[in-house]
Amino acid sequence: QIVTMDHIFLSESYEIFMPLMACVRGIEKFITLGENNFALIYYYWWGSEIAIALEFDANGSRITANPKAENLTIADAFFDEHGEALAEELYNKQGFI
């Protein structure tokens, strides 16, 4: 089973991200082991710095500011392909990005 959360736009504030990451970390026991199990919060539309990453592996999960390069490549490729459509969707729903 594959679960994909492609994008969530919350805030630019760590105060919002940290409780979210703790909550997302709770899905650890439901994840089937495999490569590329991760969640990234990064500034795609504002630059390429990583805000925070959550990576899952056989040892559990870890929160890091230095995710595996291959995970960042996967996320960048997704947003390169779908970023404009996602931005338009956010704008249409919220009136801003």
PDB file of N, CA and C in Angstrom:
ATOM      1  N   GLN A   1       0.843  -1.177   0.000  1.00  0.00           N
ATOM      2  CA  GLN A   1       0.000   0.000   0.000  1.00  0.00           C
ATOM      3  C   GLN A   1       0.887   1.238   0.000  1.00  0.00           C
ATOM      4  N   ILE A   2       0.530   2.201  -0.823  1.00  0.00           N
ATOM      5  CA  ILE A   2       1.302   3.440  -0.930  1.00  0.00           C
ATOM      6  C   ILE A   2       0.404   4.611  -0.564  1.00  0.00           C
ATOM      7  N   VAL A   3       0.871   5.447   0.320  1.00  0.00           N
ATOM      8  CA  VAL A   3       0.169   6.678   0.672  1.00  0.00           C
ATOM      9  C   VAL A   3       1.057   7.839   0.248  1.00  0.00           C
ATOM     10  N   THR A   4       0.507   8.754  -0.514  1.00  0.00           N
ATOM     11  CA  THR A   4       1.280   9.903  -0.977  1.00  0.00           C
ATOM     12  C   THR A   4       0.610  11.183  -0.513  1.00  0.00           C
ATOM     13  N   MET A   5       1.343  11.986   0.250  1.00  0.00           N
ATOM     14  CA  MET A   5       0.918  13.346   0.565  1.00  0.00           C
ATOM     15  C   MET A   5       1.787  14.227  -0.292  1.00  0.00           C
ATOM     16  N   ASP A   6       1.216  14.819  -1.315  1.00  0.00           N
ATOM     17  CA  ASP A   6       2.077  15.552  -2.232  1.00  0.00           C
ATOM     18  C   ASP A   6       2.401  16.955  -1.763  1.00  0.00           C
ATOM     19  N   HIS A   7       1.433  17.646  -1.188  1.00  0.00           N
ATOM     20  CA  HIS A   7       1.752  18.987  -0.711  1.00  0.00           C
ATOM     21  C   HIS A   7       0.750  19.434   0.343  1.00  0.00           C
ATOM     22  N   ILE A   8       1.271  20.120   1.310  1.00  0.00           N
ATOM     23  CA  ILE A   8       0.459  20.767   2.338  1.00  0.00           C
ATOM     24  C   ILE A   8       1.071  22.144   2.527  1.00  0.00           C
ATOM     25  N   PHE A   9       0.269  23.165   2.394  1.00  0.00           N
ATOM     26  CA  PHE A   9       0.789  24.517   2.606  1.00  0.00           C
ATOM     27  C   PHE A   9       0.264  25.007   3.939  1.00  0.00           C
ATOM     28  N   LEU A  10       1.157  25.207   4.897  1.00  0.00           N
ATOM     29  CA  LEU A  10       0.735  25.622   6.226  1.00  0.00           C
ATOM     30  C   LEU A  10       1.198  27.021   6.577  1.00  0.00           C
ATOM     31  N   SER A  11       2.489  27.200   6.591  1.00  0.00           N
ATOM     32  CA  SER A  11       3.035  28.436   7.127  1.00  0.00           C
ATOM     33  C   SER A  11       4.532  28.459   6.864  1.00  0.00           C
ATOM     34  N   GLU A  12       5.156  29.570   7.161  1.00  0.00           N
ATOM     35  CA  GLU A  12       6.610  29.658   7.121  1.00  0.00           C
ATOM     36  C   GLU A  12       7.187  29.565   8.528  1.00  0.00           C
ATOM     37  N   SER A  13       6.373  29.205   9.503  1.00  0.00           N
ATOM     38  CA  SER A  13       6.766  29.216  10.905  1.00  0.00           C
ATOM     39  C   SER A  13       7.056  27.810  11.429  1.00  0.00           C
ATOM     40  N   TYR A  14       8.186  27.653  12.111  1.00  0.00           N
ATOM     41  CA  TYR A  14       8.506  26.373  12.740  1.00  0.00           C
ATOM     42  C   TYR A  14       7.483  25.997  13.806  1.00  0.00           C
ATOM     43  N   GLU A  15       6.839  26.971  14.413  1.00  0.00           N
ATOM     44  CA  GLU A  15       5.835  26.678  15.432  1.00  0.00           C
ATOM     45  C   GLU A  15       4.715  25.821  14.866  1.00  0.00           C
ATOM     46  N   ILE A  16       4.435  25.960  13.575  1.00  0.00           N
ATOM     47  CA  ILE A  16       3.417  25.150  12.917  1.00  0.00           C
ATOM     48  C   ILE A  16       3.996  23.798  12.508  1.00  0.00           C
ATOM     49  N   PHE A  17       5.225  23.779  12.015  1.00  0.00           N
ATOM     50  CA  PHE A  17       5.819  22.555  11.471  1.00  0.00           C
ATOM     51  C   PHE A  17       6.106  21.488  12.516  1.00  0.00           C
ATOM     52  N   MET A  18       6.605  21.859  13.663  1.00  0.00           N
ATOM     53  CA  MET A  18       7.044  20.863  14.635  1.00  0.00           C
ATOM     54  C   MET A  18       5.910  19.963  15.121  1.00  0.00           C
ATOM     55  N   PRO A  19       4.744  20.479  15.504  1.00  0.00           N
ATOM     56  CA  PRO A  19       3.653  19.573  15.870  1.00  0.00           C
ATOM     57  C   PRO A  19       3.212  18.694  14.693  1.00  0.00           C
ATOM     58  N   LEU A  20       3.243  19.249  13.482  1.00  0.00           N
ATOM     59  CA  LEU A  20       2.890  18.458  12.303  1.00  0.00           C
ATOM     60  C   LEU A  20       3.865  17.300  12.135  1.00  0.00           C
ATOM     61  N   MET A  21       5.158  17.558  12.270  1.00  0.00           N
ATOM     62  CA  MET A  21       6.145  16.498  12.104  1.00  0.00           C
ATOM     63  C   MET A  21       5.986  15.426  13.179  1.00  0.00           C
ATOM     64  N   ALA A  22       5.671  15.825  14.396  1.00  0.00           N
ATOM     65  CA  ALA A  22       5.430  14.842  15.454  1.00  0.00           C
ATOM     66  C   ALA A  22       4.230  13.972  15.105  1.00  0.00           C
ATOM     67  N   CYS A  23       3.200  14.579  14.560  1.00  0.00           N
ATOM     68  CA  CYS A  23       2.006  13.839  14.152  1.00  0.00           C
ATOM     69  C   CYS A  23       2.319  12.895  12.992  1.00  0.00           C
ATOM     70  N   VAL A  24       3.001  13.394  11.978  1.00  0.00           N
ATOM     71  CA  VAL A  24       3.356  12.564  10.821  1.00  0.00           C
ATOM     72  C   VAL A  24       4.281  11.426  11.251  1.00  0.00           C
ATOM     73  N   ARG A  25       5.137  11.693  12.203  1.00  0.00           N
ATOM     74  CA  ARG A  25       6.039  10.648  12.706  1.00  0.00           C
ATOM     75  C   ARG A  25       5.251   9.485  13.300  1.00  0.00           C
ATOM     76  N   GLY A  26       4.037   9.751  13.741  1.00  0.00           N
ATOM     77  CA  GLY A  26       3.184   8.715  14.309  1.00  0.00           C
ATOM     78  C   GLY A  26       2.747   7.647  13.320  1.00  0.00           C
ATOM     79  N   ILE A  27       2.886   7.898  12.024  1.00  0.00           N
ATOM     80  CA  ILE A  27       2.511   6.877  11.036  1.00  0.00           C
ATOM     81  C   ILE A  27       3.604   5.827  10.867  1.00  0.00           C
ATOM     82  N   GLU A  28       4.705   6.008  11.566  1.00  0.00           N
ATOM     83  CA  GLU A  28       5.859   5.107  11.448  1.00  0.00           C
ATOM     84  C   GLU A  28       5.470   3.631  11.521  1.00  0.00           C
ATOM     85  N   LYS A  29       4.616   3.257  12.467  1.00  0.00           N
ATOM     86  CA  LYS A  29       4.286   1.841  12.646  1.00  0.00           C
ATOM     87  C   LYS A  29       3.419   1.288  11.518  1.00  0.00           C
ATOM     88  N   PHE A  30       2.883   2.149  10.667  1.00  0.00           N
ATOM     89  CA  PHE A  30       2.040   1.705   9.565  1.00  0.00           C
ATOM     90  C   PHE A  30       2.773   1.667   8.226  1.00  0.00           C
ATOM     91  N   ILE A  31       4.020   2.092   8.202  1.00  0.00           N
ATOM     92  CA  ILE A  31       4.771   2.184   6.953  1.00  0.00           C
ATOM     93  C   ILE A  31       5.405   0.844   6.614  1.00  0.00           C
ATOM     94  N   THR A  32       5.219   0.419   5.372  1.00  0.00           N
ATOM     95  CA  THR A  32       5.907  -0.759   4.867  1.00  0.00           C
ATOM     96  C   THR A  32       7.334  -0.347   4.536  1.00  0.00           C
ATOM     97  N   LEU A  33       8.284  -1.091   5.035  1.00  0.00           N
ATOM     98  CA  LEU A  33       9.681  -0.745   4.795  1.00  0.00           C
ATOM     99  C   LEU A  33       9.985  -0.708   3.306  1.00  0.00           C
ATOM    100  N   GLY A  34      10.741   0.261   2.915  1.00  0.00           N
ATOM    101  CA  GLY A  34      11.137   0.428   1.529  1.00  0.00           C
ATOM    102  C   GLY A  34      11.959   1.683   1.396  1.00  0.00           C
ATOM    103  N   GLU A  35      12.478   1.886   0.215  1.00  0.00           N
ATOM    104  CA  GLU A  35      13.251   3.096  -0.040  1.00  0.00           C
ATOM    105  C   GLU A  35      12.315   4.285  -0.200  1.00  0.00           C
ATOM    106  N   ASN A  36      12.840   5.448   0.061  1.00  0.00           N
ATOM    107  CA  ASN A  36      12.143   6.703  -0.213  1.00  0.00           C
ATOM    108  C   ASN A  36      10.879   6.902   0.609  1.00  0.00           C
ATOM    109  N   ASN A  37      10.888   6.471   1.852  1.00  0.00           N
ATOM    110  CA  ASN A  37       9.811   6.796   2.778  1.00  0.00           C
ATOM    111  C   ASN A  37      10.235   8.058   3.520  1.00  0.00           C
ATOM    112  N   PHE A  38       9.654   9.187   3.132  1.00  0.00           N
ATOM    113  CA  PHE A  38      10.099  10.441   3.722  1.00  0.00           C
ATOM    114  C   PHE A  38       9.023  11.509   3.596  1.00  0.00           C
ATOM    115  N   ALA A  39       9.191  12.541   4.396  1.00  0.00           N
ATOM    116  CA  ALA A  39       8.385  13.761   4.292  1.00  0.00           C
ATOM    117  C   ALA A  39       9.364  14.925   4.360  1.00  0.00           C
ATOM    118  N   LEU A  40       9.200  15.878   3.461  1.00  0.00           N
ATOM    119  CA  LEU A  40      10.055  17.063   3.454  1.00  0.00           C
ATOM    120  C   LEU A  40       9.196  18.300   3.617  1.00  0.00           C
ATOM    121  N   ILE A  41       9.662  19.213   4.405  1.00  0.00           N
ATOM    122  CA  ILE A  41       9.087  20.549   4.434  1.00  0.00           C
ATOM    123  C   ILE A  41      10.209  21.459   3.979  1.00  0.00           C
ATOM    124  N   TYR A  42      10.019  22.029   2.810  1.00  0.00           N
ATOM    125  CA  TYR A  42      11.059  22.898   2.275  1.00  0.00           C
ATOM    126  C   TYR A  42      10.435  24.002   1.454  1.00  0.00           C
ATOM    127  N   TYR A  43      11.261  24.970   1.143  1.00  0.00           N
ATOM    128  CA  TYR A  43      10.776  26.201   0.549  1.00  0.00           C
ATOM    129  C   TYR A  43      10.838  26.131  -0.966  1.00  0.00           C
ATOM    130  N   TYR A  44      10.061  25.272  -1.574  1.00  0.00           N
ATOM    131  CA  TYR A  44      10.138  25.082  -3.017  1.00  0.00           C
ATOM    132  C   TYR A  44       9.942  26.390  -3.768  1.00  0.00           C
ATOM    133  N   TRP A  45       8.940  27.156  -3.390  1.00  0.00           N
ATOM    134  CA  TRP A  45       8.651  28.385  -4.124  1.00  0.00           C
ATOM    135  C   TRP A  45       9.537  29.554  -3.684  1.00  0.00           C
ATOM    136  N   TRP A  46      10.286  29.389  -2.583  1.00  0.00           N
ATOM    137  CA  TRP A  46      11.095  30.497  -2.068  1.00  0.00           C
ATOM    138  C   TRP A  46      12.588  30.219  -2.091  1.00  0.00           C
ATOM    139  N   GLY A  47      12.988  29.077  -2.549  1.00  0.00           N
ATOM    140  CA  GLY A  47      14.402  28.701  -2.553  1.00  0.00           C
ATOM    141  C   GLY A  47      14.533  27.236  -2.208  1.00  0.00           C
ATOM    142  N   SER A  48      15.722  26.724  -2.194  1.00  0.00           N
ATOM    143  CA  SER A  48      15.896  25.279  -2.037  1.00  0.00           C
ATOM    144  C   SER A  48      16.340  24.846  -0.640  1.00  0.00           C
ATOM    145  N   GLU A  49      16.343  25.749   0.332  1.00  0.00           N
ATOM    146  CA  GLU A  49      16.767  25.338   1.666  1.00  0.00           C
ATOM    147  C   GLU A  49      15.759  24.367   2.275  1.00  0.00           C
ATOM    148  N   ILE A  50      16.273  23.424   3.024  1.00  0.00           N
ATOM    149  CA  ILE A  50      15.423  22.465   3.717  1.00  0.00           C
ATOM    150  C   ILE A  50      15.003  23.079   5.045  1.00  0.00           C
ATOM    151  N   ALA A  51      13.729  23.059   5.328  1.00  0.00           N
ATOM    152  CA  ALA A  51      13.258  23.509   6.628  1.00  0.00           C
ATOM    153  C   ALA A  51      13.376  22.361   7.622  1.00  0.00           C
ATOM    154  N   ILE A  52      12.868  21.200   7.229  1.00  0.00           N
ATOM    155  CA  ILE A  52      12.928  20.023   8.094  1.00  0.00           C
ATOM    156  C   ILE A  52      12.556  18.805   7.248  1.00  0.00           C
ATOM    157  N   ALA A  53      13.087  17.662   7.609  1.00  0.00           N
ATOM    158  CA  ALA A  53      12.783  16.423   6.899  1.00  0.00           C
ATOM    159  C   ALA A  53      12.519  15.321   7.914  1.00  0.00           C
ATOM    160  N   LEU A  54      11.692  14.389   7.523  1.00  0.00           N
ATOM    161  CA  LEU A  54      11.399  13.214   8.327  1.00  0.00           C
ATOM    162  C   LEU A  54      11.643  12.014   7.430  1.00  0.00           C
ATOM    163  N   GLU A  55      12.544  11.142   7.833  1.00  0.00           N
ATOM    164  CA  GLU A  55      12.876   9.967   7.036  1.00  0.00           C
ATOM    165  C   GLU A  55      12.612   8.707   7.852  1.00  0.00           C
ATOM    166  N   PHE A  56      12.031   7.709   7.197  1.00  0.00           N
ATOM    167  CA  PHE A  56      11.700   6.437   7.828  1.00  0.00           C
ATOM    168  C   PHE A  56      12.606   5.354   7.265  1.00  0.00           C
ATOM    169  N   ASP A  57      13.074   4.446   8.146  1.00  0.00           N
ATOM    170  CA  ASP A  57      13.843   3.291   7.697  1.00  0.00           C
ATOM    171  C   ASP A  57      13.615   2.151   8.688  1.00  0.00           C
ATOM    172  N   ALA A  58      14.380   1.086   8.567  1.00  0.00           N
ATOM    173  CA  ALA A  58      14.201  -0.092   9.417  1.00  0.00           C
ATOM    174  C   ALA A  58      14.414   0.215  10.899  1.00  0.00           C
ATOM    175  N   ASN A  59      15.129   1.284  11.206  1.00  0.00           N
ATOM    176  CA  ASN A  59      15.384   1.665  12.596  1.00  0.00           C
ATOM    177  C   ASN A  59      14.330   2.599  13.166  1.00  0.00           C
ATOM    178  N   GLY A  60      13.350   2.973  12.376  1.00  0.00           N
ATOM    179  CA  GLY A  60      12.314   3.893  12.829  1.00  0.00           C
ATOM    180  C   GLY A  60      12.291   5.141  11.982  1.00  0.00           C
ATOM    181  N   SER A  61      12.269   6.283  12.647  1.00  0.00           N
ATOM    182  CA  SER A  61      12.226   7.548  11.916  1.00  0.00           C
ATOM    183  C   SER A  61      13.196   8.528  12.548  1.00  0.00           C
ATOM    184  N   ARG A  62      13.557   9.517  11.759  1.00  0.00           N
ATOM    185  CA  ARG A  62      14.436  10.564  12.281  1.00  0.00           C
ATOM    186  C   ARG A  62      14.045  11.895  11.665  1.00  0.00           C
ATOM    187  N   ILE A  63      14.115  12.923  12.477  1.00  0.00           N
ATOM    188  CA  ILE A  63      13.889  14.284  12.008  1.00  0.00           C
ATOM    189  C   ILE A  63      15.266  14.883  11.754  1.00  0.00           C
ATOM    190  N   THR A  64      15.427  15.508  10.596  1.00  0.00           N
ATOM    191  CA  THR A  64      16.735  16.022  10.209  1.00  0.00           C
ATOM    192  C   THR A  64      16.600  17.271   9.345  1.00  0.00           C
ATOM    193  N   ALA A  65      17.640  18.048   9.310  1.00  0.00           N
ATOM    194  CA  ALA A  65      17.714  19.178   8.379  1.00  0.00           C
ATOM    195  C   ALA A  65      18.566  18.809   7.170  1.00  0.00           C
ATOM    196  N   ASN A  66      19.076  17.566   7.148  1.00  0.00           N
ATOM    197  CA  ASN A  66      19.936  17.099   6.061  1.00  0.00           C
ATOM    198  C   ASN A  66      19.406  15.786   5.495  1.00  0.00           C
ATOM    199  N   PRO A  67      18.346  15.836   4.699  1.00  0.00           N
ATOM    200  CA  PRO A  67      17.777  14.600   4.159  1.00  0.00           C
ATOM    201  C   PRO A  67      18.706  13.959   3.133  1.00  0.00           C
ATOM    202  N   LYS A  68      18.433  12.698   2.851  1.00  0.00           N
ATOM    203  CA  LYS A  68      19.186  11.997   1.816  1.00  0.00           C
ATOM    204  C   LYS A  68      19.019  12.733   0.493  1.00  0.00           C
ATOM    205  N   ALA A  69      20.089  12.821  -0.254  1.00  0.00           N
ATOM    206  CA  ALA A  69      20.069  13.536  -1.538  1.00  0.00           C
ATOM    207  C   ALA A  69      19.032  12.957  -2.490  1.00  0.00           C
ATOM    208  N   GLU A  70      18.874  11.626  -2.500  1.00  0.00           N
ATOM    209  CA  GLU A  70      17.905  11.021  -3.420  1.00  0.00           C
ATOM    210  C   GLU A  70      16.465  11.405  -3.071  1.00  0.00           C
ATOM    211  N   ASN A  71      16.172  11.603  -1.784  1.00  0.00           N
ATOM    212  CA  ASN A  71      14.827  12.032  -1.404  1.00  0.00           C
ATOM    213  C   ASN A  71      14.554  13.459  -1.865  1.00  0.00           C
ATOM    214  N   LEU A  72      15.537  14.316  -1.724  1.00  0.00           N
ATOM    215  CA  LEU A  72      15.387  15.689  -2.194  1.00  0.00           C
ATOM    216  C   LEU A  72      15.222  15.719  -3.714  1.00  0.00           C
ATOM    217  N   THR A  73      15.948  14.869  -4.420  1.00  0.00           N
ATOM    218  CA  THR A  73      15.828  14.788  -5.879  1.00  0.00           C
ATOM    219  C   THR A  73      14.424  14.365  -6.287  1.00  0.00           C
ATOM    220  N   ILE A  74      13.857  13.389  -5.581  1.00  0.00           N
ATOM    221  CA  ILE A  74      12.494  12.929  -5.868  1.00  0.00           C
ATOM    222  C   ILE A  74      11.497  14.063  -5.642  1.00  0.00           C
ATOM    223  N   ALA A  75      11.613  14.751  -4.511  1.00  0.00           N
ATOM    224  CA  ALA A  75      10.690  15.849  -4.206  1.00  0.00           C
ATOM    225  C   ALA A  75      10.829  16.986  -5.211  1.00  0.00           C
ATOM    226  N   ASP A  76      12.059  17.347  -5.549  1.00  0.00           N
ATOM    227  CA  ASP A  76      12.275  18.408  -6.536  1.00  0.00           C
ATOM    228  C   ASP A  76      11.664  18.039  -7.883  1.00  0.00           C
ATOM    229  N   ALA A  77      11.838  16.790  -8.310  1.00  0.00           N
ATOM    230  CA  ALA A  77      11.279  16.350  -9.593  1.00  0.00           C
ATOM    231  C   ALA A  77       9.755  16.437  -9.570  1.00  0.00           C
ATOM    232  N   PHE A  78       9.142  16.059  -8.434  1.00  0.00           N
ATOM    233  CA  PHE A  78       7.688  16.143  -8.321  1.00  0.00           C
ATOM    234  C   PHE A  78       7.223  17.588  -8.477  1.00  0.00           C
ATOM    235  N   PHE A  79       7.854  18.504  -7.741  1.00  0.00           N
ATOM    236  CA  PHE A  79       7.426  19.894  -7.808  1.00  0.00           C
ATOM    237  C   PHE A  79       7.808  20.563  -9.119  1.00  0.00           C
ATOM    238  N   ASP A  80       8.909  20.145  -9.730  1.00  0.00           N
ATOM    239  CA  ASP A  80       9.244  20.676 -11.052  1.00  0.00           C
ATOM    240  C   ASP A  80       8.152  20.324 -12.053  1.00  0.00           C
ATOM    241  N   GLU A  81       7.610  19.117 -11.929  1.00  0.00           N
ATOM    242  CA  GLU A  81       6.562  18.674 -12.854  1.00  0.00           C
ATOM    243  C   GLU A  81       5.201  19.262 -12.512  1.00  0.00           C
ATOM    244  N   HIS A  82       4.884  19.355 -11.231  1.00  0.00           N
ATOM    245  CA  HIS A  82       3.527  19.726 -10.814  1.00  0.00           C
ATOM    246  C   HIS A  82       3.427  21.065 -10.094  1.00  0.00           C
ATOM    247  N   GLY A  83       4.535  21.767  -9.898  1.00  0.00           N
ATOM    248  CA  GLY A  83       4.552  22.987  -9.089  1.00  0.00           C
ATOM    249  C   GLY A  83       3.609  24.072  -9.553  1.00  0.00           C
ATOM    250  N   GLU A  84       3.580  24.338 -10.849  1.00  0.00           N
ATOM    251  CA  GLU A  84       2.704  25.400 -11.363  1.00  0.00           C
ATOM    252  C   GLU A  84       1.238  25.063 -11.128  1.00  0.00           C
ATOM    253  N   ALA A  85       0.856  23.815 -11.371  1.00  0.00           N
ATOM    254  CA  ALA A  85      -0.534  23.401 -11.156  1.00  0.00           C
ATOM    255  C   ALA A  85      -0.899  23.484  -9.676  1.00  0.00           C
ATOM    256  N   LEU A  86       0.025  23.103  -8.801  1.00  0.00           N
ATOM    257  CA  LEU A  86      -0.241  23.189  -7.365  1.00  0.00           C
ATOM    258  C   LEU A  86      -0.376  24.634  -6.916  1.00  0.00           C
ATOM    259  N   ALA A  87       0.482  25.503  -7.438  1.00  0.00           N
ATOM    260  CA  ALA A  87       0.395  26.926  -7.097  1.00  0.00           C
ATOM    261  C   ALA A  87      -0.939  27.496  -7.556  1.00  0.00           C
ATOM    262  N   GLU A  88      -1.364  27.135  -8.757  1.00  0.00           N
ATOM    263  CA  GLU A  88      -2.651  27.617  -9.270  1.00  0.00           C
ATOM    264  C   GLU A  88      -3.803  27.096  -8.419  1.00  0.00           C
ATOM    265  N   GLU A  89      -3.727  25.827  -8.024  1.00  0.00           N
ATOM    266  CA  GLU A  89      -4.760  25.244  -7.167  1.00  0.00           C
ATOM    267  C   GLU A  89      -4.837  25.976  -5.828  1.00  0.00           C
ATOM    268  N   LEU A  90      -3.684  26.236  -5.212  1.00  0.00           N
ATOM    269  CA  LEU A  90      -3.670  26.969  -3.948  1.00  0.00           C
ATOM    270  C   LEU A  90      -4.242  28.369  -4.111  1.00  0.00           C
ATOM    271  N   TYR A  91      -3.855  29.031  -5.181  1.00  0.00           N
ATOM    272  CA  TYR A  91      -4.353  30.384  -5.419  1.00  0.00           C
ATOM    273  C   TYR A  91      -5.870  30.380  -5.609  1.00  0.00           C
ATOM    274  N   ASN A  92      -6.375  29.427  -6.374  1.00  0.00           N
ATOM    275  CA  ASN A  92      -7.818  29.350  -6.618  1.00  0.00           C
ATOM    276  C   ASN A  92      -8.597  29.042  -5.344  1.00  0.00           C
ATOM    277  N   LYS A  93      -8.035  28.238  -4.461  1.00  0.00           N
ATOM    278  CA  LYS A  93      -8.713  27.873  -3.215  1.00  0.00           C
ATOM    279  C   LYS A  93      -8.601  28.963  -2.153  1.00  0.00           C
ATOM    280  N   GLN A  94      -7.414  29.590  -2.049  1.00  0.00           N
ATOM    281  CA  GLN A  94      -7.144  30.506  -0.943  1.00  0.00           C
ATOM    282  C   GLN A  94      -7.091  31.966  -1.349  1.00  0.00           C
ATOM    283  N   GLY A  95      -6.869  32.212  -2.639  1.00  0.00           N
ATOM    284  CA  GLY A  95      -6.722  33.580  -3.092  1.00  0.00           C
ATOM    285  C   GLY A  95      -5.306  34.105  -2.947  1.00  0.00           C
ATOM    286  N   PHE A  96      -4.390  33.256  -2.477  1.00  0.00           N
ATOM    287  CA  PHE A  96      -2.977  33.614  -2.346  1.00  0.00           C
ATOM    288  C   PHE A  96      -2.167  32.329  -2.297  1.00  0.00           C
ATOM    289  N   ILE A  97      -0.852  32.483  -2.444  1.00  0.00           N
ATOM    290  CA  ILE A  97       0.047  31.327  -2.328  1.00  0.00           C
ATOM    291  C   ILE A  97       0.892  31.534  -1.094  1.00  0.00           C
TER     292      ILE A  97
END
